[in-house]
Amino acid sequence: MILKKIIVALDCDNLKYAINVVKALKQDAFAFKIGYEFFFTFGLEGYRIIQKENIRIFLDLKLHDIPNTVKKGISAISKLNPYFTTIHLSGGDDMQIAANKSKQKTKILGVSILTSLNSEQTQKFYFNKNIESIVSSFANYALNNKLDGIVCSPKEIKTIKTITLNKLIIITPGIRPLSYKEVNDDQERTMTPKEAIDAGANYLVIGRPITQSNNPLEELKSINLSLE
């Protein structure tokens, strides 16, 4: 039995290619992530074309605004019926609560610290606090405000798991299979798929290592096999 833990990120500006990727991978992936590049390029029309493939969609727009604006945004997003959507935890308690109250079936994930930030950047923009301290606080806020899950780098999975005791879904980007090599990779805090699942992640977001490989289906199957 296939262990479906992978959310494939459709970060591309080619709709035909994205559709082909979804058709090829949907039996072996848990869900597909639609983010800024896809959504701002193809909009609702592109979203609905992907949705017709009868798959789970993670609509990753990372809302971050005043509570009322986010509340209305989540209400609108809920009508699109994605499986997951995201808000920034740094938006505060009232924003998190407003988002959670306005959702319907969609699960709300709180984004902690972007995986592109290293410790130097984190200390600079979070006023000399270390990553573990910030993420620990964010995990408690997400739990108290009854969000469904949290998005974190694989390096913080164990910390969050200890705090939340399986009460939050943990979704982890920054996943890099051993076979993946990229010049100027913008991810800083990474792990292999197996390492992240063993640390306690529920689902892994993987884009380029799969979608830009010579054979996306073969790569996804290989990752799934490594998780067994």
C-alpha atoms as a PDB file:
ATOM      1  CA  MET A   1       0.000   0.000   0.000  1.00  0.00           C
ATOM      2  CA  ILE A   2       1.346   3.434  -0.993  1.00  0.00           C
ATOM      3  CA  LEU A   3       2.092   5.720   1.936  1.00  0.00           C
ATOM      4  CA  LYS A   4       0.665   9.011   0.654  1.00  0.00           C
ATOM      5  CA  LYS A   5       2.527  11.740   2.507  1.00  0.00           C
ATOM      6  CA  ILE A   6       3.650  13.985  -0.345  1.00  0.00           C
ATOM      7  CA  ILE A   7       1.997  17.247  -1.378  1.00  0.00           C
ATOM      8  CA  VAL A   8       3.327  18.142  -4.820  1.00  0.00           C
ATOM      9  CA  ALA A   9       3.849  21.877  -5.345  1.00  0.00           C
ATOM     10  CA  LEU A  10       2.643  23.101  -8.745  1.00  0.00           C
ATOM     11  CA  ASP A  11       4.987  26.082  -8.838  1.00  0.00           C
ATOM     12  CA  CYS A  12       4.994  26.761 -12.576  1.00  0.00           C
ATOM     13  CA  ASP A  13       3.661  29.098 -15.265  1.00  0.00           C
ATOM     14  CA  ASN A  14       2.725  26.355 -17.726  1.00  0.00           C
ATOM     15  CA  LEU A  15      -0.868  25.221 -17.257  1.00  0.00           C
ATOM     16  CA  LYS A  16      -0.660  22.305 -19.684  1.00  0.00           C
ATOM     17  CA  TYR A  17       2.403  20.962 -17.909  1.00  0.00           C
ATOM     18  CA  ALA A  18       0.736  21.378 -14.494  1.00  0.00           C
ATOM     19  CA  ILE A  19      -2.326  19.452 -15.678  1.00  0.00           C
ATOM     20  CA  ASN A  20      -0.138  16.657 -17.031  1.00  0.00           C
ATOM     21  CA  VAL A  21       1.776  16.496 -13.743  1.00  0.00           C
ATOM     22  CA  VAL A  22      -1.466  16.191 -11.782  1.00  0.00           C
ATOM     23  CA  LYS A  23      -2.831  13.488 -14.089  1.00  0.00           C
ATOM     24  CA  ALA A  24       0.406  11.520 -13.837  1.00  0.00           C
ATOM     25  CA  LEU A  25       0.905  11.819 -10.075  1.00  0.00           C
ATOM     26  CA  LYS A  26      -2.549  11.944  -8.528  1.00  0.00           C
ATOM     27  CA  GLN A  27      -2.646   8.245  -7.651  1.00  0.00           C
ATOM     28  CA  ASP A  28       0.610   8.519  -5.716  1.00  0.00           C
ATOM     29  CA  ALA A  29       0.386  11.988  -4.110  1.00  0.00           C
ATOM     30  CA  PHE A  30      -1.658  13.070  -1.097  1.00  0.00           C
ATOM     31  CA  ALA A  31      -2.451  16.512  -2.547  1.00  0.00           C
ATOM     32  CA  PHE A  32      -1.234  19.281  -4.843  1.00  0.00           C
ATOM     33  CA  LYS A  33      -0.181  22.746  -3.700  1.00  0.00           C
ATOM     34  CA  ILE A  34      -1.197  25.842  -5.628  1.00  0.00           C
ATOM     35  CA  GLY A  35       0.750  28.919  -4.639  1.00  0.00           C
ATOM     36  CA  TYR A  36       1.386  32.443  -5.842  1.00  0.00           C
ATOM     37  CA  GLU A  37       2.920  31.712  -9.239  1.00  0.00           C
ATOM     38  CA  PHE A  38       0.180  29.366 -10.408  1.00  0.00           C
ATOM     39  CA  PHE A  39      -2.756  31.226  -8.846  1.00  0.00           C
ATOM     40  CA  PHE A  40      -1.707  34.693  -9.976  1.00  0.00           C
ATOM     41  CA  THR A  41      -0.970  33.414 -13.482  1.00  0.00           C
ATOM     42  CA  PHE A  42      -4.039  31.254 -14.100  1.00  0.00           C
ATOM     43  CA  GLY A  43      -6.486  32.512 -11.457  1.00  0.00           C
ATOM     44  CA  LEU A  44      -9.777  30.839 -10.680  1.00  0.00           C
ATOM     45  CA  GLU A  45     -10.007  29.312 -14.137  1.00  0.00           C
ATOM     46  CA  GLY A  46      -6.718  27.473 -13.715  1.00  0.00           C
ATOM     47  CA  TYR A  47      -7.620  26.481 -10.155  1.00  0.00           C
ATOM     48  CA  ARG A  48     -10.902  24.945 -11.279  1.00  0.00           C
ATOM     49  CA  ILE A  49      -9.245  23.079 -14.138  1.00  0.00           C
ATOM     50  CA  ILE A  50      -6.898  21.434 -11.634  1.00  0.00           C
ATOM     51  CA  GLN A  51      -9.796  20.834  -9.236  1.00  0.00           C
ATOM     52  CA  LYS A  52     -11.647  18.858 -11.924  1.00  0.00           C
ATOM     53  CA  GLU A  53      -9.027  16.147 -11.556  1.00  0.00           C
ATOM     54  CA  ASN A  54     -10.764  15.210  -8.283  1.00  0.00           C
ATOM     55  CA  ILE A  55      -7.733  15.784  -6.069  1.00  0.00           C
ATOM     56  CA  ARG A  56      -7.021  17.467  -2.747  1.00  0.00           C
ATOM     57  CA  ILE A  57      -5.771  21.027  -3.193  1.00  0.00           C
ATOM     58  CA  PHE A  58      -3.555  22.960  -0.803  1.00  0.00           C
ATOM     59  CA  LEU A  59      -4.205  26.613  -1.685  1.00  0.00           C
ATOM     60  CA  ASP A  60      -1.141  28.302  -0.257  1.00  0.00           C
ATOM     61  CA  LEU A  61      -1.743  32.076  -0.312  1.00  0.00           C
ATOM     62  CA  LYS A  62      -0.385  32.834   3.182  1.00  0.00           C
ATOM     63  CA  LEU A  63      -2.893  35.512   4.183  1.00  0.00           C
ATOM     64  CA  HIS A  64      -1.540  38.199   6.499  1.00  0.00           C
ATOM     65  CA  ASP A  65      -3.646  41.286   7.181  1.00  0.00           C
ATOM     66  CA  ILE A  66      -6.008  42.802   9.717  1.00  0.00           C
ATOM     67  CA  PRO A  67      -8.490  40.289  11.197  1.00  0.00           C
ATOM     68  CA  ASN A  68     -11.558  41.430   9.271  1.00  0.00           C
ATOM     69  CA  THR A  69      -9.745  41.343   5.928  1.00  0.00           C
ATOM     70  CA  VAL A  70      -8.386  37.858   6.591  1.00  0.00           C
ATOM     71  CA  LYS A  71     -11.800  36.702   7.802  1.00  0.00           C
ATOM     72  CA  LYS A  72     -13.361  37.764   4.492  1.00  0.00           C
ATOM     73  CA  GLY A  73     -10.459  36.277   2.557  1.00  0.00           C
ATOM     74  CA  ILE A  74     -10.818  32.901   4.240  1.00  0.00           C
ATOM     75  CA  SER A  75     -14.578  33.001   3.694  1.00  0.00           C
ATOM     76  CA  ALA A  76     -13.974  33.530  -0.036  1.00  0.00           C
ATOM     77  CA  ILE A  77     -11.287  30.841  -0.167  1.00  0.00           C
ATOM     78  CA  SER A  78     -13.577  28.361   1.590  1.00  0.00           C
ATOM     79  CA  LYS A  79     -16.014  28.606  -1.322  1.00  0.00           C
ATOM     80  CA  LEU A  80     -13.267  27.154  -3.520  1.00  0.00           C
ATOM     81  CA  ASN A  81     -13.160  24.139  -1.188  1.00  0.00           C
ATOM     82  CA  PRO A  82      -9.401  23.571  -0.886  1.00  0.00           C
ATOM     83  CA  TYR A  83      -8.336  20.883   1.560  1.00  0.00           C
ATOM     84  CA  PHE A  84      -5.732  23.194   3.163  1.00  0.00           C
ATOM     85  CA  THR A  85      -5.055  26.924   3.087  1.00  0.00           C
ATOM     86  CA  THR A  86      -2.553  29.119   4.947  1.00  0.00           C
ATOM     87  CA  ILE A  87      -2.247  32.222   7.077  1.00  0.00           C
ATOM     88  CA  HIS A  88       0.852  33.751   8.688  1.00  0.00           C
ATOM     89  CA  LEU A  89       0.934  33.101  12.433  1.00  0.00           C
ATOM     90  CA  SER A  90       2.688  36.434  12.914  1.00  0.00           C
ATOM     91  CA  GLY A  91      -0.627  38.152  12.093  1.00  0.00           C
ATOM     92  CA  GLY A  92      -1.649  37.788  15.739  1.00  0.00           C
ATOM     93  CA  ASP A  93      -4.297  36.065  17.842  1.00  0.00           C
ATOM     94  CA  ASP A  94      -7.286  38.042  16.570  1.00  0.00           C
ATOM     95  CA  MET A  95      -6.348  37.339  12.953  1.00  0.00           C
ATOM     96  CA  GLN A  96      -5.917  33.620  13.635  1.00  0.00           C
ATOM     97  CA  ILE A  97      -9.242  33.425  15.461  1.00  0.00           C
ATOM     98  CA  ALA A  98     -11.031  35.358  12.706  1.00  0.00           C
ATOM     99  CA  ALA A  99      -9.616  33.043  10.043  1.00  0.00           C
ATOM    100  CA  ASN A 100     -10.600  29.946  11.963  1.00  0.00           C
ATOM    101  CA  LYS A 101     -14.152  31.159  12.555  1.00  0.00           C
ATOM    102  CA  SER A 102     -14.773  31.992   8.898  1.00  0.00           C
ATOM    103  CA  LYS A 103     -13.593  28.697   7.427  1.00  0.00           C
ATOM    104  CA  GLN A 104     -15.961  25.974   6.339  1.00  0.00           C
ATOM    105  CA  LYS A 105     -14.465  22.548   5.579  1.00  0.00           C
ATOM    106  CA  THR A 106     -11.045  23.935   4.694  1.00  0.00           C
ATOM    107  CA  LYS A 107      -8.268  23.228   7.181  1.00  0.00           C
ATOM    108  CA  ILE A 108      -6.355  26.337   8.311  1.00  0.00           C
ATOM    109  CA  LEU A 109      -2.586  26.020   8.564  1.00  0.00           C
ATOM    110  CA  GLY A 110      -0.435  28.598  10.326  1.00  0.00           C
ATOM    111  CA  VAL A 111       2.874  29.445   8.664  1.00  0.00           C
ATOM    112  CA  SER A 112       5.660  29.808  11.227  1.00  0.00           C
ATOM    113  CA  ILE A 113       9.051  30.889   9.829  1.00  0.00           C
ATOM    114  CA  LEU A 114       9.780  30.590   6.110  1.00  0.00           C
ATOM    115  CA  THR A 115      12.245  27.834   5.269  1.00  0.00           C
ATOM    116  CA  SER A 116      14.290  30.308   3.213  1.00  0.00           C
ATOM    117  CA  LEU A 117      15.385  32.141   6.396  1.00  0.00           C
ATOM    118  CA  ASN A 118      18.582  31.066   8.119  1.00  0.00           C
ATOM    119  CA  SER A 119      19.438  31.833  11.748  1.00  0.00           C
ATOM    120  CA  GLU A 120      21.114  35.145  10.853  1.00  0.00           C
ATOM    121  CA  GLN A 121      18.059  36.430   8.981  1.00  0.00           C
ATOM    122  CA  THR A 122      15.706  35.153  11.670  1.00  0.00           C
ATOM    123  CA  GLN A 123      17.591  36.970  14.423  1.00  0.00           C
ATOM    124  CA  LYS A 124      17.632  40.146  12.326  1.00  0.00           C
ATOM    125  CA  PHE A 125      13.916  40.244  11.558  1.00  0.00           C
ATOM    126  CA  TYR A 126      12.651  38.677  14.784  1.00  0.00           C
ATOM    127  CA  PHE A 127      14.732  40.913  17.038  1.00  0.00           C
ATOM    128  CA  ASN A 128      17.493  38.550  18.148  1.00  0.00           C
ATOM    129  CA  LYS A 129      15.235  35.647  19.054  1.00  0.00           C
ATOM    130  CA  ASN A 130      16.399  32.205  18.002  1.00  0.00           C
ATOM    131  CA  ILE A 131      14.393  30.036  15.635  1.00  0.00           C
ATOM    132  CA  GLU A 132      13.390  27.388  18.167  1.00  0.00           C
ATOM    133  CA  SER A 133      12.061  29.991  20.601  1.00  0.00           C
ATOM    134  CA  ILE A 134       9.966  31.706  17.923  1.00  0.00           C
ATOM    135  CA  VAL A 135       8.557  28.490  16.508  1.00  0.00           C
ATOM    136  CA  SER A 136       7.724  27.208  19.995  1.00  0.00           C
ATOM    137  CA  SER A 137       5.700  30.353  20.667  1.00  0.00           C
ATOM    138  CA  PHE A 138       3.977  30.119  17.284  1.00  0.00           C
ATOM    139  CA  ALA A 139       3.052  26.475  17.936  1.00  0.00           C
ATOM    140  CA  ASN A 140       1.421  27.425  21.228  1.00  0.00           C
ATOM    141  CA  TYR A 141      -0.513  30.254  19.573  1.00  0.00           C
ATOM    142  CA  ALA A 142      -1.754  27.976  16.785  1.00  0.00           C
ATOM    143  CA  LEU A 143      -2.848  25.416  19.369  1.00  0.00           C
ATOM    144  CA  ASN A 144      -4.591  27.965  21.603  1.00  0.00           C
ATOM    145  CA  ASN A 145      -6.404  29.528  18.649  1.00  0.00           C
ATOM    146  CA  LYS A 146      -7.568  26.106  17.451  1.00  0.00           C
ATOM    147  CA  LEU A 147      -5.950  26.097  14.039  1.00  0.00           C
ATOM    148  CA  ASP A 148      -5.788  22.774  12.236  1.00  0.00           C
ATOM    149  CA  GLY A 149      -2.086  22.664  11.615  1.00  0.00           C
ATOM    150  CA  ILE A 150       1.236  24.411  11.286  1.00  0.00           C
ATOM    151  CA  VAL A 151       3.773  24.812   8.480  1.00  0.00           C
ATOM    152  CA  CYS A 152       7.377  24.656   9.617  1.00  0.00           C
ATOM    153  CA  SER A 153      10.812  23.693   8.403  1.00  0.00           C
ATOM    154  CA  PRO A 154      11.844  20.090   9.093  1.00  0.00           C
ATOM    155  CA  LYS A 155      14.346  21.348  11.641  1.00  0.00           C
ATOM    156  CA  GLU A 156      11.517  22.401  13.988  1.00  0.00           C
ATOM    157  CA  ILE A 157       9.282  19.321  13.677  1.00  0.00           C
ATOM    158  CA  LYS A 158      10.374  17.669  16.929  1.00  0.00           C
ATOM    159  CA  THR A 159       9.996  20.900  18.887  1.00  0.00           C
ATOM    160  CA  ILE A 160       6.455  21.401  17.612  1.00  0.00           C
ATOM    161  CA  LYS A 161       5.573  17.736  18.137  1.00  0.00           C
ATOM    162  CA  THR A 162       6.621  17.988  21.786  1.00  0.00           C
ATOM    163  CA  ILE A 163       4.441  21.073  22.315  1.00  0.00           C
ATOM    164  CA  THR A 164       1.325  20.090  20.369  1.00  0.00           C
ATOM    165  CA  LEU A 165       1.210  16.349  21.166  1.00  0.00           C
ATOM    166  CA  ASN A 166      -0.313  15.442  17.773  1.00  0.00           C
ATOM    167  CA  LYS A 167      -3.062  18.044  18.125  1.00  0.00           C
ATOM    168  CA  LEU A 168      -1.810  19.946  15.062  1.00  0.00           C
ATOM    169  CA  ILE A 169      -1.127  18.656  11.570  1.00  0.00           C
ATOM    170  CA  ILE A 170       2.528  19.326  10.754  1.00  0.00           C
ATOM    171  CA  ILE A 171       3.266  20.127   7.115  1.00  0.00           C
ATOM    172  CA  THR A 172       6.854  20.576   6.088  1.00  0.00           C
ATOM    173  CA  PRO A 173       8.393  22.258   3.040  1.00  0.00           C
ATOM    174  CA  GLY A 174      12.158  22.446   2.608  1.00  0.00           C
ATOM    175  CA  ILE A 175      12.381  18.776   1.667  1.00  0.00           C
ATOM    176  CA  ARG A 176      15.329  17.713  -0.440  1.00  0.00           C
ATOM    177  CA  PRO A 177      15.833  14.086  -1.543  1.00  0.00           C
ATOM    178  CA  LEU A 178      19.462  12.965  -1.529  1.00  0.00           C
ATOM    179  CA  SER A 179      19.389  12.739  -5.323  1.00  0.00           C
ATOM    180  CA  TYR A 180      18.383  16.403  -5.749  1.00  0.00           C
ATOM    181  CA  LYS A 181      21.066  18.920  -6.573  1.00  0.00           C
ATOM    182  CA  GLU A 182      20.344  22.551  -7.459  1.00  0.00           C
ATOM    183  CA  VAL A 183      22.620  25.529  -7.886  1.00  0.00           C
ATOM    184  CA  ASN A 184      21.478  28.531  -5.786  1.00  0.00           C
ATOM    185  CA  ASP A 185      18.826  26.588  -3.903  1.00  0.00           C
ATOM    186  CA  ASP A 186      16.803  29.099  -1.834  1.00  0.00           C
ATOM    187  CA  GLN A 187      15.909  26.649   0.923  1.00  0.00           C
ATOM    188  CA  GLU A 188      18.043  26.915   4.064  1.00  0.00           C
ATOM    189  CA  ARG A 189      16.632  24.560   6.713  1.00  0.00           C
ATOM    190  CA  THR A 190      16.153  21.238   4.950  1.00  0.00           C
ATOM    191  CA  MET A 191      15.922  17.471   5.472  1.00  0.00           C
ATOM    192  CA  THR A 192      15.394  14.401   3.327  1.00  0.00           C
ATOM    193  CA  PRO A 193      11.822  13.038   3.072  1.00  0.00           C
ATOM    194  CA  LYS A 194      12.629  10.066   5.312  1.00  0.00           C
ATOM    195  CA  GLU A 195      14.267  12.255   7.970  1.00  0.00           C
ATOM    196  CA  ALA A 196      11.267  14.615   8.088  1.00  0.00           C
ATOM    197  CA  ILE A 197       8.691  11.835   8.381  1.00  0.00           C
ATOM    198  CA  ASP A 198      10.748  10.087  11.062  1.00  0.00           C
ATOM    199  CA  ALA A 199      10.916  13.402  12.955  1.00  0.00           C
ATOM    200  CA  GLY A 200       7.113  13.511  13.032  1.00  0.00           C
ATOM    201  CA  ALA A 201       5.855  15.452   9.999  1.00  0.00           C
ATOM    202  CA  ASN A 202       2.421  14.431   8.759  1.00  0.00           C
ATOM    203  CA  TYR A 203       2.885  15.643   5.186  1.00  0.00           C
ATOM    204  CA  LEU A 204       5.775  16.928   3.087  1.00  0.00           C
ATOM    205  CA  VAL A 205       5.603  19.646   0.434  1.00  0.00           C
ATOM    206  CA  ILE A 206       7.928  18.886  -2.465  1.00  0.00           C
ATOM    207  CA  GLY A 207       8.027  20.860  -5.715  1.00  0.00           C
ATOM    208  CA  ARG A 208      11.116  21.185  -7.898  1.00  0.00           C
ATOM    209  CA  PRO A 209      12.763  17.868  -6.960  1.00  0.00           C
ATOM    210  CA  ILE A 210       9.685  16.150  -8.417  1.00  0.00           C
ATOM    211  CA  THR A 211       8.253  18.495 -11.039  1.00  0.00           C
ATOM    212  CA  GLN A 212      11.606  19.411 -12.588  1.00  0.00           C
ATOM    213  CA  SER A 213      12.958  15.871 -12.646  1.00  0.00           C
ATOM    214  CA  ASN A 214      13.247  13.935 -15.891  1.00  0.00           C
ATOM    215  CA  ASN A 215      10.490  11.599 -14.725  1.00  0.00           C
ATOM    216  CA  PRO A 216       8.203  13.139 -12.055  1.00  0.00           C
ATOM    217  CA  LEU A 217       6.225   9.945 -11.468  1.00  0.00           C
ATOM    218  CA  GLU A 218       9.346   7.851 -11.047  1.00  0.00           C
ATOM    219  CA  GLU A 219      10.757  10.435  -8.613  1.00  0.00           C
ATOM    220  CA  LEU A 220       7.561  10.530  -6.553  1.00  0.00           C
ATOM    221  CA  LYS A 221       7.382   6.738  -6.422  1.00  0.00           C
ATOM    222  CA  SER A 222      11.012   6.635  -5.313  1.00  0.00           C
ATOM    223  CA  ILE A 223      10.290   9.113  -2.499  1.00  0.00           C
ATOM    224  CA  ASN A 224       7.213   7.148  -1.418  1.00  0.00           C
ATOM    225  CA  LEU A 225       9.258   3.971  -1.356  1.00  0.00           C
ATOM    226  CA  SER A 226      11.900   5.634   0.821  1.00  0.00           C
ATOM    227  CA  LEU A 227       9.194   6.413   3.398  1.00  0.00           C
ATOM    228  CA  GLU A 228       8.235   2.772   3.717  1.00  0.00           C
END
